[in-house]
């Protein structure tokens, strides 16, 4: 009798613990150009797992270097590809410098990049795919960091860091390395010839957090079959961060197709609009951001800089939206 009571009690405790973990939320905080707005150069997002692990995604130009007071602890940095607006060839001198339509990018981060400078200062790990890890390892080593903190995860594989599983997925986009990162005579000759360095394919990411939430970070991409076959069917992503800027990536119509027909998440965060997406914290009428919101069948969250959103295991916004 006592044994059966103990088993029932243990089972109840386990169920309660599982419920507690699944009930915890993943916090997502945009680090854009202007507080409370969605602006031209906004790319950077910080994801915080319920266990405290913090992940900076595509720091770009709006994170004011490693001393940006909004950063806090950064355990992991993800870089989808090497274009300056994602890895950070330059950045603003302080949060809220410049304006939403004319962001400040007056501080050069060359030849290291904003991502590398933050990783060195914060002792973060940089997790990338393709041939990007050797580049980041060399930059870390050259600046007194640990090259082992540049970690590879290629398509079809994954790594677990700080309790978060990280995988890379296909992104159809270019990924040339600016010769200014290389420098010297080689970099000069490449620049004069109009040739970029080859660091492999661009990537997106799929993250599985400790509460069970699976998030798809599209990077810069067009429409791909993998968004259904891999992101939805295999990983079962429930939250998406989707580029909508057009010209360089999917536009609002194409991005809406990806969300409605291929990934089918519970929620989506708009990203990479390349426009003033909001005015006074409200979506700007006639914008690509508005067009995307109107075309998508699931809740669309606008990443207003500094405003933290929270998502449960099912990908639904639980707070801050």
Protein backbone atom coordinates (compact mmCIF):
# COMPACT_ATOMS: atom_id res chain seq x y z
CA UNK A 1 0.00 0.00 0.00
CA UNK A 2 2.77 2.41 0.98
CA UNK A 3 4.67 1.50 -2.20
CA UNK A 4 1.66 2.30 -4.41
CA UNK A 5 1.12 5.61 -2.61
CA UNK A 6 4.79 6.48 -3.15
CA UNK A 7 4.56 5.64 -6.86
CA UNK A 8 1.43 7.77 -7.28
CA UNK A 9 3.05 10.66 -5.39
CA UNK A 10 6.22 10.38 -7.47
CA UNK A 11 4.17 10.36 -10.67
CA UNK A 12 2.23 13.42 -9.56
CA UNK A 13 5.48 15.23 -8.75
CA UNK A 14 6.90 14.36 -12.17
CA UNK A 15 3.76 15.57 -13.91
CA UNK A 16 3.82 18.80 -11.92
CA UNK A 17 7.49 19.34 -12.76
CA UNK A 18 6.85 18.71 -16.46
CA UNK A 19 3.93 21.15 -16.39
CA UNK A 20 6.10 23.76 -14.65
CA UNK A 21 8.81 23.49 -17.31
CA UNK A 22 6.35 23.59 -20.23
CA UNK A 23 4.56 26.56 -18.67
CA UNK A 24 7.73 28.63 -18.65
CA UNK A 25 8.20 31.11 -21.47
CA UNK A 26 10.97 32.10 -23.87
CA UNK A 27 11.59 35.85 -23.79
CA UNK A 28 12.36 37.64 -27.07
CA UNK A 29 13.69 41.21 -26.95
CA UNK A 30 14.42 43.21 -30.14
CA UNK A 31 17.51 45.42 -30.02
CA UNK A 32 16.63 47.86 -32.77
CA UNK A 33 17.62 51.38 -33.68
CA UNK A 34 14.97 53.38 -31.82
CA UNK A 35 13.18 52.35 -28.62
CA UNK A 36 9.57 51.34 -29.19
CA UNK A 37 9.84 51.29 -32.99
CA UNK A 38 10.48 48.85 -35.87
CA UNK A 39 13.06 50.54 -38.08
CA UNK A 40 15.01 50.23 -41.31
CA UNK A 41 18.08 48.38 -40.03
CA UNK A 42 16.45 46.32 -37.27
CA UNK A 43 17.65 42.71 -37.27
CA UNK A 44 18.93 41.88 -33.76
CA UNK A 45 16.90 39.80 -31.33
CA UNK A 46 17.84 38.38 -27.93
CA UNK A 47 16.22 35.07 -26.97
CA UNK A 48 16.26 34.11 -23.30
CA UNK A 49 15.56 30.50 -22.40
CA UNK A 50 13.67 29.78 -19.17
CA UNK A 51 16.95 28.40 -17.78
CA UNK A 52 18.67 31.77 -18.29
CA UNK A 53 20.66 31.02 -21.47
CA UNK A 54 20.72 34.14 -23.65
CA UNK A 55 21.14 34.03 -27.42
CA UNK A 56 21.86 37.06 -29.62
CA UNK A 57 20.66 36.59 -33.20
CA UNK A 58 22.21 38.68 -36.02
CA UNK A 59 23.54 41.67 -34.01
CA UNK A 60 23.85 43.75 -37.19
CA UNK A 61 24.24 47.51 -36.98
CA UNK A 62 21.71 48.43 -34.28
CA UNK A 63 23.54 46.86 -31.33
CA UNK A 64 25.89 49.58 -30.13
CA UNK A 65 28.93 47.35 -29.85
CA UNK A 66 29.89 45.20 -26.88
CA UNK A 67 29.21 48.04 -24.44
CA UNK A 68 25.54 48.37 -25.44
CA UNK A 69 23.79 48.42 -22.04
CA UNK A 70 20.84 46.47 -23.47
CA UNK A 71 22.93 43.36 -24.09
CA UNK A 72 23.53 42.01 -20.61
CA UNK A 73 24.84 38.45 -20.55
CA UNK A 74 25.29 36.87 -24.00
CA UNK A 75 25.99 33.15 -23.99
CA UNK A 76 25.57 32.45 -27.70
CA UNK A 77 25.68 34.52 -30.88
CA UNK A 78 24.03 33.31 -34.09
CA UNK A 79 24.97 34.82 -37.45
CA UNK A 80 22.84 33.79 -40.41
CA UNK A 81 25.27 35.15 -43.01
CA UNK A 82 28.12 37.59 -43.47
CA UNK A 83 26.37 40.64 -44.92
CA UNK A 84 27.11 43.78 -42.93
CA UNK A 85 23.54 44.37 -41.78
CA UNK A 86 23.58 40.95 -40.04
CA UNK A 87 27.12 40.34 -38.80
CA UNK A 88 27.69 44.05 -38.22
CA UNK A 89 30.34 45.74 -40.35
CA UNK A 90 29.46 48.95 -38.48
CA UNK A 91 27.10 49.98 -35.71
CA UNK A 92 25.48 52.93 -33.99
CA UNK A 93 27.49 54.81 -31.41
CA UNK A 94 24.75 54.47 -28.79
CA UNK A 95 21.19 53.14 -28.59
CA UNK A 96 18.69 55.57 -30.16
CA UNK A 97 21.33 57.50 -32.12
CA UNK A 98 20.22 58.51 -35.57
CA UNK A 99 16.57 58.17 -36.56
CA UNK A 100 14.26 55.36 -37.60
CA UNK A 101 14.58 56.20 -41.31
CA UNK A 102 18.23 57.28 -41.14
CA UNK A 103 19.96 55.02 -38.61
CA UNK A 104 23.37 55.85 -37.24
CA UNK A 105 26.11 53.43 -38.30
CA UNK A 106 29.05 55.72 -37.64
CA UNK A 107 31.25 53.26 -35.73
CA UNK A 108 33.20 50.84 -37.92
CA UNK A 109 33.57 47.28 -36.64
CA UNK A 110 35.99 46.27 -39.38
CA UNK A 111 37.95 44.10 -39.74
CA UNK A 112 36.39 42.10 -36.89
CA UNK A 113 32.59 42.67 -37.08
CA UNK A 114 30.15 43.61 -34.36
CA UNK A 115 29.47 39.91 -33.72
CA UNK A 116 33.14 39.11 -33.04
CA UNK A 117 33.68 42.16 -30.83
CA UNK A 118 30.64 41.26 -28.73
CA UNK A 119 31.72 37.60 -28.51
CA UNK A 120 35.17 38.57 -27.23
CA UNK A 121 33.83 41.00 -24.64
CA UNK A 122 31.05 38.69 -23.43
CA UNK A 123 33.01 35.42 -23.82
CA UNK A 124 30.15 34.16 -25.99
CA UNK A 125 30.12 31.16 -28.28
CA UNK A 126 29.44 31.88 -31.97
CA UNK A 127 27.38 29.11 -33.58
CA UNK A 128 27.26 29.08 -37.38
CA UNK A 129 27.09 26.68 -40.30
CA UNK A 130 28.63 26.31 -43.78
CA UNK A 131 32.25 27.51 -43.84
CA UNK A 132 31.71 30.42 -41.46
CA UNK A 133 33.17 28.82 -38.28
CA UNK A 134 36.83 28.95 -39.43
CA UNK A 135 36.46 32.65 -40.21
CA UNK A 136 35.07 33.40 -36.76
CA UNK A 137 37.65 31.15 -35.09
CA UNK A 138 40.47 33.06 -36.78
CA UNK A 139 39.00 36.41 -35.74
CA UNK A 140 38.58 35.27 -32.14
CA UNK A 141 42.16 34.01 -32.00
CA UNK A 142 43.56 37.20 -33.56
CA UNK A 143 41.85 39.28 -30.89
CA UNK A 144 42.81 37.26 -27.84
CA UNK A 145 39.66 35.15 -27.72
CA UNK A 146 39.29 31.39 -27.73
CA UNK A 147 38.92 29.98 -31.26
CA UNK A 148 37.14 26.96 -29.77
CA UNK A 149 34.22 29.30 -29.06
CA UNK A 150 33.43 29.26 -32.78
CA UNK A 151 31.17 26.21 -33.09
CA UNK A 152 29.97 24.44 -36.23
CA UNK A 153 26.51 23.06 -36.90
CA UNK A 154 25.88 22.15 -40.53
CA UNK A 155 22.62 21.25 -42.27
CA UNK A 156 21.09 18.12 -40.78
CA UNK A 157 23.08 18.30 -37.56
CA UNK A 158 22.65 20.15 -34.29
CA UNK A 159 24.46 21.11 -31.10
CA UNK A 160 23.17 21.65 -27.58
CA UNK A 161 24.56 24.65 -25.71
CA UNK A 162 23.17 25.92 -22.45
CA UNK A 163 20.21 23.58 -22.72
CA UNK A 164 19.16 24.91 -26.16
CA UNK A 165 19.41 22.70 -29.23
CA UNK A 166 20.62 24.65 -32.29
CA UNK A 167 20.35 23.46 -35.89
CA UNK A 168 20.99 25.25 -39.18
CA UNK A 169 18.55 25.06 -42.10
CA UNK A 170 18.56 26.18 -45.71
CA UNK A 171 18.37 29.87 -46.59
CA UNK A 172 18.43 30.84 -50.26
CA UNK A 173 20.61 33.95 -50.18
CA UNK A 174 24.12 35.08 -51.06
CA UNK A 175 26.86 34.97 -48.43
CA UNK A 176 29.95 36.71 -49.74
CA UNK A 177 32.62 37.88 -47.30
CA UNK A 178 33.60 41.54 -47.73
CA UNK A 179 37.34 41.69 -48.57
CA UNK A 180 37.76 44.36 -45.89
CA UNK A 181 37.43 41.56 -43.31
CA UNK A 182 40.47 39.93 -44.95
CA UNK A 183 42.61 43.04 -45.32
CA UNK A 184 46.20 43.23 -46.55
CA UNK A 185 47.22 42.84 -50.17
CA UNK A 186 44.89 39.90 -50.69
CA UNK A 187 41.87 41.82 -49.45
CA UNK A 188 42.85 44.85 -51.53
CA UNK A 189 43.25 42.77 -54.70
CA UNK A 190 39.91 41.02 -54.13
CA UNK A 191 38.16 44.34 -53.58
CA UNK A 192 39.63 45.83 -56.74
CA UNK A 193 38.47 42.77 -58.69
CA UNK A 194 34.99 42.88 -57.17
CA UNK A 195 35.39 39.41 -55.65
CA UNK A 196 34.00 38.39 -52.26
CA UNK A 197 35.37 35.65 -50.02
CA UNK A 198 33.60 32.29 -50.00
CA UNK A 199 32.27 31.22 -46.59
CA UNK A 200 29.69 28.76 -47.88
CA UNK A 201 25.92 29.01 -47.94
CA UNK A 202 23.76 31.36 -45.92
CA UNK A 203 21.68 29.66 -43.23
CA UNK A 204 18.59 29.94 -41.11
CA UNK A 205 18.30 28.40 -37.65
CA UNK A 206 15.93 26.17 -35.73
CA UNK A 207 16.14 26.45 -31.94
CA UNK A 208 14.56 24.08 -29.44
CA UNK A 209 14.35 25.69 -26.02
CA UNK A 210 14.18 23.92 -22.68
CA UNK A 211 10.42 24.53 -22.34
CA UNK A 212 9.83 22.69 -25.64
CA UNK A 213 9.32 25.74 -27.87
CA UNK A 214 10.75 25.28 -31.38
CA UNK A 215 11.56 28.52 -33.21
CA UNK A 216 12.53 29.01 -36.86
CA UNK A 217 14.81 31.97 -37.61
CA UNK A 218 14.70 32.44 -41.37
CA UNK A 219 17.81 34.53 -41.87
CA UNK A 220 17.62 36.15 -45.30
CA UNK A 221 15.90 33.76 -47.66
CA UNK A 222 13.54 33.21 -50.52
CA UNK A 223 10.86 30.53 -50.64
CA UNK A 224 12.28 27.01 -50.24
CA UNK A 225 10.76 23.54 -50.12
CA UNK A 226 12.73 22.96 -46.91
CA UNK A 227 10.47 25.40 -45.11
CA UNK A 228 7.79 22.71 -45.29
CA UNK A 229 9.80 19.49 -45.47
CA UNK A 230 12.37 20.34 -42.82
CA UNK A 231 11.21 23.29 -40.72
CA UNK A 232 7.58 22.20 -40.40
CA UNK A 233 7.52 18.44 -40.99
CA UNK A 234 10.75 17.50 -39.20
CA UNK A 235 11.32 20.21 -36.58
CA UNK A 236 7.66 21.21 -36.11
CA UNK A 237 8.48 24.88 -35.52
CA UNK A 238 5.78 26.80 -33.64
CA UNK A 239 7.33 30.28 -33.69
CA UNK A 240 8.90 31.89 -36.76
CA UNK A 241 11.04 34.98 -37.31
CA UNK A 242 10.46 35.86 -40.97
CA UNK A 243 12.22 38.35 -43.24
CA UNK A 244 9.76 40.49 -45.23
CA UNK A 245 11.88 43.20 -46.87
CA UNK A 246 11.56 42.32 -50.58
CA UNK A 247 14.26 42.89 -53.20
CA UNK A 248 16.98 41.25 -51.09
CA UNK A 249 14.74 38.61 -49.46
CA UNK A 250 11.13 37.45 -49.55
CA UNK A 251 8.69 40.33 -49.75
CA UNK A 252 5.50 40.54 -47.69
CA UNK A 253 3.47 38.43 -50.14
CA UNK A 254 6.10 35.71 -50.46
CA UNK A 255 6.81 35.73 -46.73
CA UNK A 256 3.10 35.36 -46.01
CA UNK A 257 3.02 32.30 -48.30
CA UNK A 258 5.91 30.78 -46.36
CA UNK A 259 4.07 31.27 -43.08
CA UNK A 260 0.55 30.34 -44.26
CA UNK A 261 1.36 27.36 -46.48
CA UNK A 262 4.79 26.01 -45.59
CA UNK A 263 5.92 26.59 -41.99
CA UNK A 264 2.44 27.09 -40.46
CA UNK A 265 3.64 28.24 -37.01
CA UNK A 266 1.38 29.43 -34.21
CA UNK A 267 2.96 32.92 -34.29
CA UNK A 268 5.41 34.89 -36.41
CA UNK A 269 7.71 37.83 -35.65
CA UNK A 270 8.24 40.10 -38.65
CA UNK A 271 11.87 40.92 -39.41
CA UNK A 272 14.16 42.67 -41.90
CA UNK A 273 11.51 45.01 -43.32
CA UNK A 274 14.07 47.53 -44.66
CA UNK A 275 11.61 50.33 -43.96
CA UNK A 276 10.12 52.42 -41.20
CA UNK A 277 7.67 49.76 -40.09
CA UNK A 278 6.13 51.67 -37.19
CA UNK A 279 5.44 55.23 -36.07
CA UNK A 280 4.83 55.92 -32.38
CA UNK A 281 4.80 52.16 -31.83
CA UNK A 282 1.98 51.57 -34.33
CA UNK A 283 2.33 49.82 -37.68
CA UNK A 284 2.73 52.42 -40.41
CA UNK A 285 -0.21 52.45 -42.87
CA UNK A 286 0.77 51.45 -46.40
CA UNK A 287 4.00 49.76 -45.26
CA UNK A 288 5.29 46.32 -46.18
CA UNK A 289 4.91 45.50 -42.50
CA UNK A 290 1.18 46.23 -42.71
CA UNK A 291 0.85 44.23 -45.94
CA UNK A 292 2.49 41.22 -44.28
CA UNK A 293 0.23 41.46 -41.25
CA UNK A 294 -2.88 41.58 -43.41
CA UNK A 295 -1.80 38.60 -45.52
CA UNK A 296 -0.81 36.23 -42.69
CA UNK A 297 -3.35 33.91 -41.05
CA UNK A 298 -1.61 33.61 -37.66
CA UNK A 299 -0.79 36.34 -35.12
CA UNK A 300 2.01 38.62 -36.34
CA UNK A 301 4.21 40.26 -33.71
CA UNK A 302 6.07 43.45 -34.60
CA UNK A 303 9.53 43.62 -32.99
CA UNK A 304 9.40 47.03 -31.33
CA UNK A 305 12.89 47.74 -30.01
CA UNK A 306 13.27 47.10 -26.29
CA UNK A 307 9.81 45.57 -25.88
CA UNK A 308 10.09 42.00 -24.57
CA UNK A 309 7.66 39.39 -25.85
CA UNK A 310 7.17 36.00 -24.18
CA UNK A 311 6.20 32.75 -25.94
CA UNK A 312 5.01 29.49 -24.51
CA UNK A 313 5.90 25.98 -25.70
CA UNK A 314 3.10 26.10 -28.27
CA UNK A 315 4.48 29.25 -29.88
CA UNK A 316 1.70 31.48 -28.57
CA UNK A 317 2.48 34.89 -27.14
CA UNK A 318 1.94 34.82 -23.39
CA UNK A 319 2.99 38.41 -22.58
CA UNK A 320 4.28 41.61 -24.16
CA UNK A 321 2.41 41.33 -27.46
